[in-house]
Amino acid sequence: MTNITETCRDLNELTAAAQLACRLLFQECYKAGIVDIFITETFRSQARQDYLWEQGRTRPGSKVTWVTTSNHTSRRAWDIAVAPPKDLYNISTLSKVGAIAKKLGITWGGYWPASNYDAPHFEIQTTWKAPAGFKLEGTVIVPSNSKLKVQLIVNDKGQAVVGVNDGKLYRVQSGTFTTQAQANAAKQALGKYKIANADYVRIAQDGNKWRFITGTYATQAVANNAITEMKRLGILSYAESIQA
């Protein structure tokens, strides 16, 4: 990138270790129900770092950086933000992400002293390695804008389950629940874990039992991936993908 006024949001511009750390962070955020975060900057040239340093000092505007040397330039740092309707740097969300980062050995700028406090900032040291017990569990979708959500596409026999769009839409239909209350509880769990938009999940009576049917998914593979997550979280023991 040669234009010092533009941000780079490309995860591939980070070191291999930083890419892994960032994807692990977004994966664990996804599993914690934090899906409304996105990357705002990764690699930053020294020329851009100097340009940002000048803002609020020799150039108009508010100060946006406290250092002239940053791990953005060494490709070991990234910044994030929070999607609407929350504030761009919603501290409640960033604090939750920061706590997850700490478990992964990732440095969060929100733990720094007031003199260089930087809540959107995350970075790793040159010696960073994934902590024991943590690994990528599939394909992690790391959004680079506020219109996308964090996703974890669970692997199936080593192949990322994304699927080809065949022009059809699919829904997830659960097995039956004994009572309507149980079906509603499952619906609430879907909303809590953001597996399916709860506003589009409907409860249907099936004889003297109940089941839920989700909104649509772009491919059957993605619908099946959602079923895998529902089972993993204990929301249900059986479900099937059906054509919408």
C-alpha atoms as a PDB file:
ATOM      1  CA  MET A   1       0.000   0.000   0.000  1.00  0.00           C
ATOM      2  CA  THR A   2       1.448   3.347  -1.060  1.00  0.00           C
ATOM      3  CA  ASN A   3      -1.343   5.751  -0.112  1.00  0.00           C
ATOM      4  CA  ILE A   4      -0.640   6.808   3.469  1.00  0.00           C
ATOM      5  CA  THR A   5      -4.208   8.088   3.930  1.00  0.00           C
ATOM      6  CA  GLU A   6      -5.760   4.645   3.367  1.00  0.00           C
ATOM      7  CA  THR A   7      -5.993   1.778   5.851  1.00  0.00           C
ATOM      8  CA  CYS A   8      -5.034  -1.804   5.044  1.00  0.00           C
ATOM      9  CA  ARG A   9      -7.532  -4.361   6.355  1.00  0.00           C
ATOM     10  CA  ASP A  10      -5.994  -7.388   4.669  1.00  0.00           C
ATOM     11  CA  LEU A  11      -5.244 -10.130   7.188  1.00  0.00           C
ATOM     12  CA  ASN A  12      -2.781 -11.674   4.751  1.00  0.00           C
ATOM     13  CA  GLU A  13      -0.499  -8.651   5.217  1.00  0.00           C
ATOM     14  CA  LEU A  14       0.263  -9.820   8.781  1.00  0.00           C
ATOM     15  CA  THR A  15       2.910 -12.375   9.713  1.00  0.00           C
ATOM     16  CA  ALA A  16       1.791 -16.009   9.680  1.00  0.00           C
ATOM     17  CA  ALA A  17       1.762 -16.073  13.489  1.00  0.00           C
ATOM     18  CA  ALA A  18      -0.303 -12.877  13.684  1.00  0.00           C
ATOM     19  CA  GLN A  19      -2.772 -14.240  11.145  1.00  0.00           C
ATOM     20  CA  LEU A  20      -3.221 -17.354  13.271  1.00  0.00           C
ATOM     21  CA  ALA A  21      -3.551 -15.319  16.463  1.00  0.00           C
ATOM     22  CA  CYS A  22      -6.156 -13.036  14.907  1.00  0.00           C
ATOM     23  CA  ARG A  23      -8.185 -15.937  13.529  1.00  0.00           C
ATOM     24  CA  LEU A  24      -8.054 -17.730  16.874  1.00  0.00           C
ATOM     25  CA  LEU A  25      -9.250 -14.554  18.580  1.00  0.00           C
ATOM     26  CA  PHE A  26     -12.206 -14.188  16.214  1.00  0.00           C
ATOM     27  CA  GLN A  27     -12.983 -17.909  16.523  1.00  0.00           C
ATOM     28  CA  GLU A  28     -13.137 -17.725  20.314  1.00  0.00           C
ATOM     29  CA  CYS A  29     -15.197 -14.526  20.083  1.00  0.00           C
ATOM     30  CA  TYR A  30     -17.634 -16.330  17.801  1.00  0.00           C
ATOM     31  CA  LYS A  31     -17.934 -19.179  20.294  1.00  0.00           C
ATOM     32  CA  ALA A  32     -18.602 -16.606  23.025  1.00  0.00           C
ATOM     33  CA  GLY A  33     -21.393 -15.053  20.958  1.00  0.00           C
ATOM     34  CA  ILE A  34     -19.404 -11.970  19.924  1.00  0.00           C
ATOM     35  CA  VAL A  35     -19.985 -11.728  16.173  1.00  0.00           C
ATOM     36  CA  ASP A  36     -20.384  -7.973  15.653  1.00  0.00           C
ATOM     37  CA  ILE A  37     -16.681  -7.064  15.477  1.00  0.00           C
ATOM     38  CA  PHE A  38     -14.538  -6.393  12.428  1.00  0.00           C
ATOM     39  CA  ILE A  39     -10.991  -5.498  11.383  1.00  0.00           C
ATOM     40  CA  THR A  40     -10.232  -1.814  10.760  1.00  0.00           C
ATOM     41  CA  GLU A  41      -6.476  -2.000  10.137  1.00  0.00           C
ATOM     42  CA  THR A  42      -3.690  -4.571   9.897  1.00  0.00           C
ATOM     43  CA  PHE A  43      -0.344  -3.694   8.296  1.00  0.00           C
ATOM     44  CA  ARG A  44       0.728  -0.050   8.414  1.00  0.00           C
ATOM     45  CA  SER A  45       3.779   1.314   6.589  1.00  0.00           C
ATOM     46  CA  GLN A  46       6.204   3.503   8.516  1.00  0.00           C
ATOM     47  CA  ALA A  47       5.197   6.389   6.271  1.00  0.00           C
ATOM     48  CA  ARG A  48       1.576   5.950   7.331  1.00  0.00           C
ATOM     49  CA  GLN A  49       2.581   5.585  10.977  1.00  0.00           C
ATOM     50  CA  ASP A  50       4.452   8.896  10.738  1.00  0.00           C
ATOM     51  CA  TYR A  51       1.457  10.467   9.004  1.00  0.00           C
ATOM     52  CA  LEU A  52      -0.865   9.380  11.815  1.00  0.00           C
ATOM     53  CA  TRP A  53       1.607  10.601  14.445  1.00  0.00           C
ATOM     54  CA  GLU A  54       1.515  14.055  12.894  1.00  0.00           C
ATOM     55  CA  GLN A  55      -2.273  14.263  13.295  1.00  0.00           C
ATOM     56  CA  GLY A  56      -3.060  16.406  16.310  1.00  0.00           C
ATOM     57  CA  ARG A  57       0.520  17.609  16.445  1.00  0.00           C
ATOM     58  CA  THR A  58       1.796  19.174  13.221  1.00  0.00           C
ATOM     59  CA  ARG A  59      -1.388  18.366  11.304  1.00  0.00           C
ATOM     60  CA  PRO A  60      -5.020  19.240  12.200  1.00  0.00           C
ATOM     61  CA  GLY A  61      -7.211  16.692  13.950  1.00  0.00           C
ATOM     62  CA  SER A  62      -7.366  14.678  17.155  1.00  0.00           C
ATOM     63  CA  LYS A  63      -4.437  12.503  18.180  1.00  0.00           C
ATOM     64  CA  VAL A  64      -4.908   8.934  16.969  1.00  0.00           C
ATOM     65  CA  THR A  65      -1.597   7.333  17.934  1.00  0.00           C
ATOM     66  CA  TRP A  66       0.854   7.780  20.785  1.00  0.00           C
ATOM     67  CA  VAL A  67       3.911   6.194  19.183  1.00  0.00           C
ATOM     68  CA  THR A  68       6.061   6.534  16.094  1.00  0.00           C
ATOM     69  CA  THR A  69       7.087   2.882  16.300  1.00  0.00           C
ATOM     70  CA  SER A  70       4.227   0.388  16.150  1.00  0.00           C
ATOM     71  CA  ASN A  71       3.801  -3.346  15.739  1.00  0.00           C
ATOM     72  CA  HIS A  72       1.479  -2.498  12.850  1.00  0.00           C
ATOM     73  CA  THR A  73       4.632  -1.768  10.855  1.00  0.00           C
ATOM     74  CA  SER A  74       6.146  -5.107  11.871  1.00  0.00           C
ATOM     75  CA  ARG A  75       2.931  -6.846  10.767  1.00  0.00           C
ATOM     76  CA  ARG A  76       2.126  -8.157  14.239  1.00  0.00           C
ATOM     77  CA  ALA A  77      -0.815  -5.914  15.180  1.00  0.00           C
ATOM     78  CA  TRP A  78      -4.394  -5.294  14.147  1.00  0.00           C
ATOM     79  CA  ASP A  79      -7.218  -2.957  15.177  1.00  0.00           C
ATOM     80  CA  ILE A  80     -10.889  -3.824  15.476  1.00  0.00           C
ATOM     81  CA  ALA A  81     -14.204  -2.016  15.886  1.00  0.00           C
ATOM     82  CA  VAL A  82     -17.798  -2.876  16.737  1.00  0.00           C
ATOM     83  CA  ALA A  83     -20.673  -2.884  14.256  1.00  0.00           C
ATOM     84  CA  PRO A  84     -23.851  -0.776  14.617  1.00  0.00           C
ATOM     85  CA  PRO A  85     -26.116  -0.275  16.426  1.00  0.00           C
ATOM     86  CA  LYS A  86     -23.418  -0.268  19.117  1.00  0.00           C
ATOM     87  CA  ASP A  87     -20.840   2.506  19.275  1.00  0.00           C
ATOM     88  CA  LEU A  88     -17.836   1.955  17.004  1.00  0.00           C
ATOM     89  CA  TYR A  89     -15.552   1.416  20.005  1.00  0.00           C
ATOM     90  CA  ASN A  90     -18.088   0.014  22.459  1.00  0.00           C
ATOM     91  CA  ILE A  91     -15.962  -0.575  25.525  1.00  0.00           C
ATOM     92  CA  SER A  92     -18.149  -3.364  26.887  1.00  0.00           C
ATOM     93  CA  THR A  93     -17.632  -5.424  23.732  1.00  0.00           C
ATOM     94  CA  LEU A  94     -13.939  -4.537  23.402  1.00  0.00           C
ATOM     95  CA  SER A  95     -13.349  -5.507  27.031  1.00  0.00           C
ATOM     96  CA  LYS A  96     -14.866  -8.937  26.416  1.00  0.00           C
ATOM     97  CA  VAL A  97     -12.638  -9.382  23.369  1.00  0.00           C
ATOM     98  CA  GLY A  98      -9.662  -8.207  25.423  1.00  0.00           C
ATOM     99  CA  ALA A  99     -10.357 -10.831  28.091  1.00  0.00           C
ATOM    100  CA  ILE A 100     -10.445 -13.549  25.423  1.00  0.00           C
ATOM    101  CA  ALA A 101      -7.211 -12.193  23.922  1.00  0.00           C
ATOM    102  CA  LYS A 102      -5.513 -12.479  27.316  1.00  0.00           C
ATOM    103  CA  LYS A 103      -6.325 -16.208  27.426  1.00  0.00           C
ATOM    104  CA  LEU A 104      -4.691 -16.561  24.021  1.00  0.00           C
ATOM    105  CA  GLY A 105      -1.540 -14.678  25.001  1.00  0.00           C
ATOM    106  CA  ILE A 106      -2.473 -11.761  22.746  1.00  0.00           C
ATOM    107  CA  THR A 107      -1.749  -8.264  24.020  1.00  0.00           C
ATOM    108  CA  TRP A 108      -4.759  -5.928  24.254  1.00  0.00           C
ATOM    109  CA  GLY A 109      -4.164  -2.180  24.230  1.00  0.00           C
ATOM    110  CA  GLY A 110      -7.042  -1.755  26.677  1.00  0.00           C
ATOM    111  CA  TYR A 111      -4.805  -3.095  29.442  1.00  0.00           C
ATOM    112  CA  TRP A 112      -2.173  -0.436  28.809  1.00  0.00           C
ATOM    113  CA  PRO A 113      -1.817   2.628  31.090  1.00  0.00           C
ATOM    114  CA  ALA A 114      -3.787   5.791  30.364  1.00  0.00           C
ATOM    115  CA  SER A 115      -0.812   7.393  28.638  1.00  0.00           C
ATOM    116  CA  ASN A 116      -1.044   4.962  25.725  1.00  0.00           C
ATOM    117  CA  TYR A 117      -4.427   3.262  26.280  1.00  0.00           C
ATOM    118  CA  ASP A 118      -5.652   1.838  22.944  1.00  0.00           C
ATOM    119  CA  ALA A 119      -8.811  -0.271  23.302  1.00  0.00           C
ATOM    120  CA  PRO A 120      -9.205  -1.212  19.592  1.00  0.00           C
ATOM    121  CA  HIS A 121      -5.601  -2.479  19.373  1.00  0.00           C
ATOM    122  CA  PHE A 122      -4.343  -6.077  19.551  1.00  0.00           C
ATOM    123  CA  GLU A 123      -0.842  -7.421  18.934  1.00  0.00           C
ATOM    124  CA  ILE A 124       1.480 -10.354  19.526  1.00  0.00           C
ATOM    125  CA  GLN A 125       5.122 -10.678  20.486  1.00  0.00           C
ATOM    126  CA  THR A 126       7.668 -12.267  18.148  1.00  0.00           C
ATOM    127  CA  THR A 127       7.692 -15.395  20.339  1.00  0.00           C
ATOM    128  CA  TRP A 128       3.906 -15.899  20.343  1.00  0.00           C
ATOM    129  CA  LYS A 129       2.548 -19.406  19.863  1.00  0.00           C
ATOM    130  CA  ALA A 130      -0.989 -20.701  20.207  1.00  0.00           C
ATOM    131  CA  PRO A 131      -1.555 -21.745  23.840  1.00  0.00           C
ATOM    132  CA  ALA A 132      -2.166 -25.392  24.630  1.00  0.00           C
ATOM    133  CA  GLY A 133      -5.786 -26.335  24.114  1.00  0.00           C
ATOM    134  CA  PHE A 134      -6.450 -23.767  21.394  1.00  0.00           C
ATOM    135  CA  LYS A 135      -6.464 -24.447  17.666  1.00  0.00           C
ATOM    136  CA  LEU A 136      -8.443 -23.440  14.618  1.00  0.00           C
ATOM    137  CA  GLU A 137     -11.547 -25.623  14.517  1.00  0.00           C
ATOM    138  CA  GLY A 138     -12.537 -24.735  10.968  1.00  0.00           C
ATOM    139  CA  THR A 139     -12.598 -21.800   8.591  1.00  0.00           C
ATOM    140  CA  VAL A 140     -12.867 -18.520  10.500  1.00  0.00           C
ATOM    141  CA  ILE A 141     -14.466 -15.642   8.633  1.00  0.00           C
ATOM    142  CA  VAL A 142     -12.851 -12.426   9.904  1.00  0.00           C
ATOM    143  CA  PRO A 143     -14.960  -9.453   8.714  1.00  0.00           C
ATOM    144  CA  SER A 144     -13.248  -6.337   7.380  1.00  0.00           C
ATOM    145  CA  ASN A 145     -16.402  -4.193   7.461  1.00  0.00           C
ATOM    146  CA  SER A 146     -19.433  -3.692   9.694  1.00  0.00           C
ATOM    147  CA  LYS A 147     -21.863  -5.365   7.299  1.00  0.00           C
ATOM    148  CA  LEU A 148     -20.438  -8.856   7.858  1.00  0.00           C
ATOM    149  CA  LYS A 149     -20.566 -11.084  10.928  1.00  0.00           C
ATOM    150  CA  VAL A 150     -17.875 -13.319  12.379  1.00  0.00           C
ATOM    151  CA  GLN A 151     -18.403 -16.917  11.248  1.00  0.00           C
ATOM    152  CA  LEU A 152     -16.895 -20.280  12.059  1.00  0.00           C
ATOM    153  CA  ILE A 153     -17.345 -22.858   9.304  1.00  0.00           C
ATOM    154  CA  VAL A 154     -16.729 -26.230  10.911  1.00  0.00           C
ATOM    155  CA  ASN A 155     -14.497 -28.634   9.004  1.00  0.00           C
ATOM    156  CA  ASP A 156     -15.858 -31.904   7.658  1.00  0.00           C
ATOM    157  CA  LYS A 157     -13.200 -34.517   6.847  1.00  0.00           C
ATOM    158  CA  GLY A 158     -10.638 -31.776   6.423  1.00  0.00           C
ATOM    159  CA  GLN A 159     -12.713 -29.783   3.933  1.00  0.00           C
ATOM    160  CA  ALA A 160     -14.235 -26.459   4.910  1.00  0.00           C
ATOM    161  CA  VAL A 161     -18.001 -26.761   4.781  1.00  0.00           C
ATOM    162  CA  VAL A 162     -19.026 -23.716   2.787  1.00  0.00           C
ATOM    163  CA  GLY A 163     -20.868 -25.283  -0.113  1.00  0.00           C
ATOM    164  CA  VAL A 164     -21.784 -24.199  -3.607  1.00  0.00           C
ATOM    165  CA  ASN A 165     -24.845 -22.057  -4.116  1.00  0.00           C
ATOM    166  CA  ASP A 166     -27.186 -24.084  -6.310  1.00  0.00           C
ATOM    167  CA  GLY A 167     -29.773 -21.331  -6.568  1.00  0.00           C
ATOM    168  CA  LYS A 168     -31.861 -22.817  -3.762  1.00  0.00           C
ATOM    169  CA  LEU A 169     -32.304 -21.815  -0.137  1.00  0.00           C
ATOM    170  CA  TYR A 170     -32.331 -24.112   2.866  1.00  0.00           C
ATOM    171  CA  ARG A 171     -33.726 -24.093   6.397  1.00  0.00           C
ATOM    172  CA  VAL A 172     -32.958 -26.097   9.509  1.00  0.00           C
ATOM    173  CA  GLN A 173     -35.867 -28.077  10.918  1.00  0.00           C
ATOM    174  CA  SER A 174     -35.383 -29.441  14.404  1.00  0.00           C
ATOM    175  CA  GLY A 175     -36.516 -32.739  15.763  1.00  0.00           C
ATOM    176  CA  THR A 176     -39.586 -32.591  17.990  1.00  0.00           C
ATOM    177  CA  PHE A 177     -39.778 -31.254  21.528  1.00  0.00           C
ATOM    178  CA  THR A 178     -42.256 -32.577  24.076  1.00  0.00           C
ATOM    179  CA  THR A 179     -43.596 -29.122  24.960  1.00  0.00           C
ATOM    180  CA  GLN A 180     -43.874 -25.732  23.305  1.00  0.00           C
ATOM    181  CA  ALA A 181     -41.839 -24.282  26.176  1.00  0.00           C
ATOM    182  CA  GLN A 182     -38.908 -26.546  25.267  1.00  0.00           C
ATOM    183  CA  ALA A 183     -39.092 -25.455  21.634  1.00  0.00           C
ATOM    184  CA  ASN A 184     -39.167 -21.802  22.697  1.00  0.00           C
ATOM    185  CA  ALA A 185     -36.155 -22.361  24.962  1.00  0.00           C
ATOM    186  CA  ALA A 186     -34.256 -23.796  21.993  1.00  0.00           C
ATOM    187  CA  LYS A 187     -35.256 -20.754  19.935  1.00  0.00           C
ATOM    188  CA  GLN A 188     -33.900 -18.449  22.633  1.00  0.00           C
ATOM    189  CA  ALA A 189     -30.637 -20.395  22.656  1.00  0.00           C
ATOM    190  CA  LEU A 190     -30.327 -19.896  18.893  1.00  0.00           C
ATOM    191  CA  GLY A 191     -30.610 -16.154  19.451  1.00  0.00           C
ATOM    192  CA  LYS A 192     -28.149 -16.206  22.344  1.00  0.00           C
ATOM    193  CA  TYR A 193     -25.466 -17.986  20.326  1.00  0.00           C
ATOM    194  CA  LYS A 194     -26.424 -16.189  17.098  1.00  0.00           C
ATOM    195  CA  ILE A 195     -26.582 -19.423  15.141  1.00  0.00           C
ATOM    196  CA  ALA A 196     -29.794 -18.299  13.480  1.00  0.00           C
ATOM    197  CA  ASN A 197     -31.543 -14.950  13.605  1.00  0.00           C
ATOM    198  CA  ALA A 198     -34.157 -15.629  16.283  1.00  0.00           C
ATOM    199  CA  ASP A 199     -36.560 -13.171  14.622  1.00  0.00           C
ATOM    200  CA  TYR A 200     -36.836 -15.576  11.676  1.00  0.00           C
ATOM    201  CA  VAL A 201     -37.158 -18.794  13.682  1.00  0.00           C
ATOM    202  CA  ARG A 202     -40.736 -20.037  13.958  1.00  0.00           C
ATOM    203  CA  ILE A 203     -42.229 -22.633  16.275  1.00  0.00           C
ATOM    204  CA  ALA A 204     -44.511 -25.183  14.641  1.00  0.00           C
ATOM    205  CA  GLN A 205     -46.806 -27.796  16.197  1.00  0.00           C
ATOM    206  CA  ASP A 206     -46.331 -31.352  14.970  1.00  0.00           C
ATOM    207  CA  GLY A 207     -49.153 -33.479  16.343  1.00  0.00           C
ATOM    208  CA  ASN A 208     -48.862 -33.186  20.096  1.00  0.00           C
ATOM    209  CA  LYS A 209     -45.233 -32.111  19.914  1.00  0.00           C
ATOM    210  CA  TRP A 210     -43.311 -29.040  18.775  1.00  0.00           C
ATOM    211  CA  ARG A 211     -40.336 -28.178  16.580  1.00  0.00           C
ATOM    212  CA  PHE A 212     -38.614 -25.040  15.289  1.00  0.00           C
ATOM    213  CA  ILE A 213     -37.805 -24.057  11.716  1.00  0.00           C
ATOM    214  CA  THR A 214     -35.124 -21.454  10.993  1.00  0.00           C
ATOM    215  CA  GLY A 215     -34.861 -18.727   8.418  1.00  0.00           C
ATOM    216  CA  THR A 216     -33.004 -19.489   5.208  1.00  0.00           C
ATOM    217  CA  TYR A 217     -29.353 -20.341   4.557  1.00  0.00           C
ATOM    218  CA  ALA A 218     -27.602 -19.753   1.229  1.00  0.00           C
ATOM    219  CA  THR A 219     -26.462 -23.376   0.831  1.00  0.00           C
ATOM    220  CA  GLN A 220     -27.334 -26.744   2.301  1.00  0.00           C
ATOM    221  CA  ALA A 221     -23.757 -27.117   3.519  1.00  0.00           C
ATOM    222  CA  VAL A 222     -24.037 -23.959   5.620  1.00  0.00           C
ATOM    223  CA  ALA A 223     -27.391 -25.149   6.999  1.00  0.00           C
ATOM    224  CA  ASN A 224     -25.764 -28.442   7.961  1.00  0.00           C
ATOM    225  CA  ASN A 225     -22.917 -26.547   9.580  1.00  0.00           C
ATOM    226  CA  ALA A 226     -25.482 -24.693  11.693  1.00  0.00           C
ATOM    227  CA  ILE A 227     -26.894 -28.057  12.771  1.00  0.00           C
ATOM    228  CA  THR A 228     -23.411 -29.152  13.841  1.00  0.00           C
ATOM    229  CA  GLU A 229     -23.111 -26.060  16.023  1.00  0.00           C
ATOM    230  CA  MET A 230     -26.580 -26.587  17.525  1.00  0.00           C
ATOM    231  CA  LYS A 231     -25.637 -30.134  18.503  1.00  0.00           C
ATOM    232  CA  ARG A 232     -22.265 -29.055  19.870  1.00  0.00           C
ATOM    233  CA  LEU A 233     -23.941 -26.479  22.104  1.00  0.00           C
ATOM    234  CA  GLY A 234     -26.557 -28.965  23.307  1.00  0.00           C
ATOM    235  CA  ILE A 235     -29.496 -27.075  21.821  1.00  0.00           C
ATOM    236  CA  LEU A 236     -30.823 -30.219  20.173  1.00  0.00           C
ATOM    237  CA  SER A 237     -29.912 -33.814  19.431  1.00  0.00           C
ATOM    238  CA  TYR A 238     -31.449 -34.067  15.971  1.00  0.00           C
ATOM    239  CA  ALA A 239     -32.225 -31.722  13.089  1.00  0.00           C
ATOM    240  CA  GLU A 240     -32.272 -31.807   9.305  1.00  0.00           C
ATOM    241  CA  SER A 241     -31.731 -29.312   6.522  1.00  0.00           C
ATOM    242  CA  ILE A 242     -34.713 -28.857   4.236  1.00  0.00           C
ATOM    243  CA  GLN A 243     -35.246 -26.895   1.028  1.00  0.00           C
ATOM    244  CA  ALA A 244     -37.026 -23.598   1.615  1.00  0.00           C
END
